[in-house]
PDB file of N, CA and C in Angstrom:
ATOM      1  N   MET A   1       0.797  -1.243   0.040  1.00  0.00           N
ATOM      2  CA  MET A   1      -0.008  -0.002  -0.047  1.00  0.00           C
ATOM      3  C   MET A   1       0.790   1.259   0.040  1.00  0.00           C
ATOM      4  N   LYS A   2       1.954   1.247   0.732  1.00  0.00           N
ATOM      5  CA  LYS A   2       2.841   2.343   0.775  1.00  0.00           C
ATOM      6  C   LYS A   2       3.525   2.600  -0.581  1.00  0.00           C
ATOM      7  N   LYS A   3       3.841   1.645  -1.318  1.00  0.00           N
ATOM      8  CA  LYS A   3       4.321   1.762  -2.688  1.00  0.00           C
ATOM      9  C   LYS A   3       3.344   2.402  -3.685  1.00  0.00           C
ATOM     10  N   VAL A   4       2.098   1.901  -3.533  1.00  0.00           N
ATOM     11  CA  VAL A   4       1.147   2.573  -4.473  1.00  0.00           C
ATOM     12  C   VAL A   4       0.917   4.055  -4.065  1.00  0.00           C
ATOM     13  N   MET A   5       0.714   4.375  -2.795  1.00  0.00           N
ATOM     14  CA  MET A   5       0.601   5.799  -2.410  1.00  0.00           C
ATOM     15  C   MET A   5       1.813   6.645  -2.989  1.00  0.00           C
ATOM     16  N   PHE A   6       3.056   6.130  -2.729  1.00  0.00           N
ATOM     17  CA  PHE A   6       4.144   6.792  -3.189  1.00  0.00           C
ATOM     18  C   PHE A   6       4.057   6.988  -4.795  1.00  0.00           C
ATOM     19  N   LEU A   7       3.747   5.993  -5.518  1.00  0.00           N
ATOM     20  CA  LEU A   7       3.665   6.056  -6.956  1.00  0.00           C
ATOM     21  C   LEU A   7       2.579   7.169  -7.264  1.00  0.00           C
ATOM     22  N   MET A   8       1.371   7.121  -6.527  1.00  0.00           N
ATOM     23  CA  MET A   8       0.360   8.123  -6.842  1.00  0.00           C
ATOM     24  C   MET A   8       0.865   9.570  -6.525  1.00  0.00           C
ATOM     25  N   ALA A   9       1.647   9.661  -5.502  1.00  0.00           N
ATOM     26  CA  ALA A   9       2.124  10.988  -5.228  1.00  0.00           C
ATOM     27  C   ALA A   9       3.066  11.483  -6.267  1.00  0.00           C
ATOM     28  N   VAL A  10       4.052  10.483  -6.758  1.00  0.00           N
ATOM     29  CA  VAL A  10       4.919  10.902  -7.802  1.00  0.00           C
ATOM     30  C   VAL A  10       4.072  11.276  -9.067  1.00  0.00           C
ATOM     31  N   ALA A  11       3.055  10.425  -9.347  1.00  0.00           N
ATOM     32  CA  ALA A  11       2.296  10.692 -10.639  1.00  0.00           C
ATOM     33  C   ALA A  11       1.580  12.033 -10.377  1.00  0.00           C
ATOM     34  N   GLY A  12       1.117  12.431  -9.354  1.00  0.00           N
ATOM     35  CA  GLY A  12       0.406  13.657  -9.028  1.00  0.00           C
ATOM     36  C   GLY A  12       1.430  14.787  -9.244  1.00  0.00           C
ATOM     37  N   MET A  13       2.677  14.684  -8.821  1.00  0.00           N
ATOM     38  CA  MET A  13       3.581  15.757  -8.997  1.00  0.00           C
ATOM     39  C   MET A  13       3.757  16.055 -10.482  1.00  0.00           C
ATOM     40  N   PHE A  14       3.929  14.950 -11.271  1.00  0.00           N
ATOM     41  CA  PHE A  14       4.127  15.114 -12.744  1.00  0.00           C
ATOM     42  C   PHE A  14       2.859  15.722 -13.359  1.00  0.00           C
ATOM     43  N   ALA A  15       1.755  15.314 -12.900  1.00  0.00           N
ATOM     44  CA  ALA A  15       0.455  15.806 -13.483  1.00  0.00           C
ATOM     45  C   ALA A  15       0.349  17.337 -13.170  1.00  0.00           C
ATOM     46  N   PHE A  16       0.663  17.765 -11.909  1.00  0.00           N
ATOM     47  CA  PHE A  16       0.624  19.194 -11.598  1.00  0.00           C
ATOM     48  C   PHE A  16       1.773  19.962 -12.274  1.00  0.00           C
ATOM     49  N   ALA A  17       2.851  19.260 -12.549  1.00  0.00           N
ATOM     50  CA  ALA A  17       3.936  20.024 -13.186  1.00  0.00           C
ATOM     51  C   ALA A  17       3.613  20.177 -14.735  1.00  0.00           C
ATOM     52  N   ALA A  18       2.837  19.372 -15.223  1.00  0.00           N
ATOM     53  CA  ALA A  18       2.388  19.356 -16.665  1.00  0.00           C
ATOM     54  C   ALA A  18       1.391  20.465 -16.900  1.00  0.00           C
ATOM     55  N   CYS A  19       0.615  20.813 -15.815  1.00  0.00           N
ATOM     56  CA  CYS A  19      -0.413  21.877 -16.098  1.00  0.00           C
ATOM     57  C   CYS A  19       0.169  23.227 -16.384  1.00  0.00           C
ATOM     58  N   ASN A  20      -0.435  23.960 -17.183  1.00  0.00           N
ATOM     59  CA  ASN A  20      -0.095  25.315 -17.585  1.00  0.00           C
ATOM     60  C   ASN A  20       1.415  25.390 -18.045  1.00  0.00           C
ATOM     61  N   ASN A  21       1.805  24.542 -18.935  1.00  0.00           N
ATOM     62  CA  ASN A  21       3.162  24.644 -19.350  1.00  0.00           C
ATOM     63  C   ASN A  21       3.272  25.344 -20.655  1.00  0.00           C
ATOM     64  N   THR A  22       2.288  26.219 -21.030  1.00  0.00           N
ATOM     65  CA  THR A  22       2.422  26.938 -22.298  1.00  0.00           C
ATOM     66  C   THR A  22       3.413  27.992 -22.124  1.00  0.00           C
ATOM     67  N   PRO A  23       4.212  28.251 -23.120  1.00  0.00           N
ATOM     68  CA  PRO A  23       5.222  29.195 -23.053  1.00  0.00           C
ATOM     69  C   PRO A  23       4.773  30.601 -22.961  1.00  0.00           C
ATOM     70  N   ALA A  24       5.414  31.396 -22.231  1.00  0.00           N
ATOM     71  CA  ALA A  24       4.993  32.809 -22.017  1.00  0.00           C
ATOM     72  C   ALA A  24       5.186  33.623 -23.353  1.00  0.00           C
ATOM     73  N   GLU A  25       4.258  34.430 -23.572  1.00  0.00           N
ATOM     74  CA  GLU A  25       4.344  35.284 -24.746  1.00  0.00           C
ATOM     75  C   GLU A  25       5.466  36.241 -24.667  1.00  0.00           C
ATOM     76  N   GLU A  26       6.238  36.357 -25.648  1.00  0.00           N
ATOM     77  CA  GLU A  26       7.364  37.194 -25.681  1.00  0.00           C
ATOM     78  C   GLU A  26       6.930  38.614 -26.047  1.00  0.00           C
ATOM     79  N   GLU A  27       7.331  39.603 -25.341  1.00  0.00           N
ATOM     80  CA  GLU A  27       7.012  41.039 -25.681  1.00  0.00           C
ATOM     81  C   GLU A  27       7.768  41.401 -26.921  1.00  0.00           C
ATOM     82  N   VAL A  28       7.010  42.007 -27.811  1.00  0.00           N
ATOM     83  CA  VAL A  28       7.654  42.496 -29.053  1.00  0.00           C
ATOM     84  C   VAL A  28       7.919  43.973 -28.830  1.00  0.00           C
ATOM     85  N   ILE A  29       9.181  44.371 -28.840  1.00  0.00           N
ATOM     86  CA  ILE A  29       9.628  45.685 -28.618  1.00  0.00           C
ATOM     87  C   ILE A  29      10.238  46.248 -29.971  1.00  0.00           C
ATOM     88  N   ASP A  30       9.535  47.362 -30.315  1.00  0.00           N
ATOM     89  CA  ASP A  30      10.150  47.946 -31.543  1.00  0.00           C
ATOM     90  C   ASP A  30      11.359  48.817 -31.195  1.00  0.00           C
ATOM     91  N   THR A  31      12.415  48.347 -31.634  1.00  0.00           N
ATOM     92  CA  THR A  31      13.679  49.069 -31.319  1.00  0.00           C
ATOM     93  C   THR A  31      14.102  49.891 -32.642  1.00  0.00           C
ATOM     94  N   VAL A  32      14.182  51.135 -32.414  1.00  0.00           N
ATOM     95  CA  VAL A  32      14.675  51.975 -33.392  1.00  0.00           C
ATOM     96  C   VAL A  32      15.981  52.519 -33.010  1.00  0.00           C
ATOM     97  N   ALA A  33      16.937  52.553 -33.903  1.00  0.00           N
ATOM     98  CA  ALA A  33      18.268  53.029 -33.559  1.00  0.00           C
ATOM     99  C   ALA A  33      18.172  54.590 -33.313  1.00  0.00           C
ATOM    100  N   THR A  34      18.478  54.879 -32.081  1.00  0.00           N
ATOM    101  CA  THR A  34      18.342  56.350 -31.810  1.00  0.00           C
ATOM    102  C   THR A  34      19.719  56.695 -31.125  1.00  0.00           C
ATOM    103  N   GLU A  35      20.256  57.744 -31.593  1.00  0.00           N
ATOM    104  CA  GLU A  35      21.508  58.216 -30.997  1.00  0.00           C
ATOM    105  C   GLU A  35      21.192  59.398 -30.025  1.00  0.00           C
ATOM    106  N   GLU A  36      21.788  59.305 -28.800  1.00  0.00           N
ATOM    107  CA  GLU A  36      21.487  60.289 -27.857  1.00  0.00           C
ATOM    108  C   GLU A  36      22.564  61.267 -27.859  1.00  0.00           C
ATOM    109  N   MET A  37      22.211  62.577 -27.977  1.00  0.00           N
ATOM    110  CA  MET A  37      23.227  63.595 -27.959  1.00  0.00           C
ATOM    111  C   MET A  37      23.387  64.142 -26.553  1.00  0.00           C
ATOM    112  N   VAL A  38      24.601  64.000 -26.057  1.00  0.00           N
ATOM    113  CA  VAL A  38      24.894  64.386 -24.676  1.00  0.00           C
ATOM    114  C   VAL A  38      26.018  65.486 -24.633  1.00  0.00           C
ATOM    115  N   GLU A  39      25.645  66.544 -24.083  1.00  0.00           N
ATOM    116  CA  GLU A  39      26.527  67.636 -23.971  1.00  0.00           C
ATOM    117  C   GLU A  39      27.308  67.536 -22.645  1.00  0.00           C
ATOM    118  N   GLU A  40      28.574  67.631 -22.760  1.00  0.00           N
ATOM    119  CA  GLU A  40      29.528  67.503 -21.550  1.00  0.00           C
ATOM    120  C   GLU A  40      29.890  68.924 -21.116  1.00  0.00           C
ATOM    121  N   THR A  41      29.549  69.112 -19.895  1.00  0.00           N
ATOM    122  CA  THR A  41      29.973  70.462 -19.397  1.00  0.00           C
ATOM    123  C   THR A  41      31.174  70.131 -18.431  1.00  0.00           C
ATOM    124  N   VAL A  42      32.210  70.887 -18.693  1.00  0.00           N
ATOM    125  CA  VAL A  42      33.412  70.735 -17.967  1.00  0.00           C
ATOM    126  C   VAL A  42      33.503  71.845 -16.902  1.00  0.00           C
ATOM    127  N   ASP A  43      33.732  71.538 -15.714  1.00  0.00           N
ATOM    128  CA  ASP A  43      33.780  72.458 -14.555  1.00  0.00           C
ATOM    129  C   ASP A  43      35.248  72.942 -14.506  1.00  0.00           C
ATOM    130  N   THR A  44      35.509  74.121 -14.978  1.00  0.00           N
ATOM    131  CA  THR A  44      36.881  74.708 -14.961  1.00  0.00           C
ATOM    132  C   THR A  44      37.194  75.539 -13.833  1.00  0.00           C
ATOM    133  N   THR A  45      36.413  75.570 -12.835  1.00  0.00           N
ATOM    134  CA  THR A  45      36.750  76.441 -11.658  1.00  0.00           C
ATOM    135  C   THR A  45      37.927  75.820 -10.915  1.00  0.00           C
ATOM    136  N   ALA A  46      38.039  74.565 -10.860  1.00  0.00           N
ATOM    137  CA  ALA A  46      39.207  73.864 -10.144  1.00  0.00           C
ATOM    138  C   ALA A  46      40.499  74.188 -10.830  1.00  0.00           C
ATOM    139  N   ALA A  47      40.396  74.027 -12.220  1.00  0.00           N
ATOM    140  CA  ALA A  47      41.608  74.356 -12.955  1.00  0.00           C
ATOM    141  C   ALA A  47      42.038  75.741 -12.777  1.00  0.00           C
ATOM    142  N   GLU A  48      41.023  76.637 -12.854  1.00  0.00           N
ATOM    143  CA  GLU A  48      41.361  77.999 -12.657  1.00  0.00           C
ATOM    144  C   GLU A  48      41.927  78.271 -11.380  1.00  0.00           C
ATOM    145  N   ALA A  49      41.502  77.758 -10.353  1.00  0.00           N
ATOM    146  CA  ALA A  49      41.985  77.878  -9.028  1.00  0.00           C
ATOM    147  C   ALA A  49      43.386  77.464  -8.889  1.00  0.00           C
ATOM    148  N   VAL A  50      43.637  76.284  -9.490  1.00  0.00           N
ATOM    149  CA  VAL A  50      45.117  75.806  -9.409  1.00  0.00           C
ATOM    150  C   VAL A  50      46.012  76.722 -10.194  1.00  0.00           C
ATOM    151  N   GLU A  51      45.478  77.185 -11.373  1.00  0.00           N
ATOM    152  CA  GLU A  51      46.298  78.180 -12.118  1.00  0.00           C
ATOM    153  C   GLU A  51      46.559  79.465 -11.443  1.00  0.00           C
ATOM    154  N   ALA A  52      45.604  79.872 -10.562  1.00  0.00           N
ATOM    155  CA  ALA A  52      45.862  81.128  -9.792  1.00  0.00           C
ATOM    156  C   ALA A  52      46.818  80.862  -8.708  1.00  0.00           C
ATOM    157  N   VAL A  53      46.791  79.726  -8.075  1.00  0.00           N
ATOM    158  CA  VAL A  53      47.709  79.445  -7.026  1.00  0.00           C
ATOM    159  C   VAL A  53      49.102  79.395  -7.635  1.00  0.00           C
ATOM    160  N   ALA A  54      49.232  78.686  -8.803  1.00  0.00           N
ATOM    161  CA  ALA A  54      50.487  78.554  -9.423  1.00  0.00           C
ATOM    162  C   ALA A  54      51.084  79.888  -9.763  1.00  0.00           C
ATOM    163  N   GLU A  55      50.315  80.833 -10.255  1.00  0.00           N
ATOM    164  CA  GLU A  55      50.683  82.187 -10.625  1.00  0.00           C
ATOM    165  C   GLU A  55      51.175  83.014  -9.422  1.00  0.00           C
ATOM    166  N   GLU A  56      50.422  82.728  -8.195  1.00  0.00           N
ATOM    167  CA  GLU A  56      50.809  83.425  -7.071  1.00  0.00           C
ATOM    168  C   GLU A  56      52.196  82.897  -6.536  1.00  0.00           C
ATOM    169  N   CYS A  57      52.463  81.625  -6.700  1.00  0.00           N
ATOM    170  CA  CYS A  57      53.684  81.010  -6.270  1.00  0.00           C
ATOM    171  C   CYS A  57      54.841  81.588  -7.232  1.00  0.00           C
ATOM    172  N   VAL A  58      54.597  81.706  -8.460  1.00  0.00           N
ATOM    173  CA  VAL A  58      55.625  82.302  -9.381  1.00  0.00           C
ATOM    174  C   VAL A  58      55.907  83.701  -9.043  1.00  0.00           C
ATOM    175  N   ALA A  59      54.880  84.469  -8.762  1.00  0.00           N
ATOM    176  CA  ALA A  59      55.040  85.856  -8.409  1.00  0.00           C
ATOM    177  C   ALA A  59      55.843  86.186  -7.233  1.00  0.00           C
ATOM    178  N   GLU A  60      55.796  85.227  -6.254  1.00  0.00           N
ATOM    179  CA  GLU A  60      56.574  85.497  -4.931  1.00  0.00           C
ATOM    180  C   GLU A  60      57.961  85.072  -5.227  1.00  0.00           C
TER     181      GLU A  60
END
């Protein structure tokens, strides 16, 4: 009796695993090649500060 119940449990696992095994629908994404224009802003305050310090050192 234990063997039969074990086999029924195994068969039940396979039965439930077989339910709803349809593949998921893949999303169709329209990809259009787009180029993004990015403007880079350079912070020159640090460079100007270093340059000012260097000029002060040269002046002394």
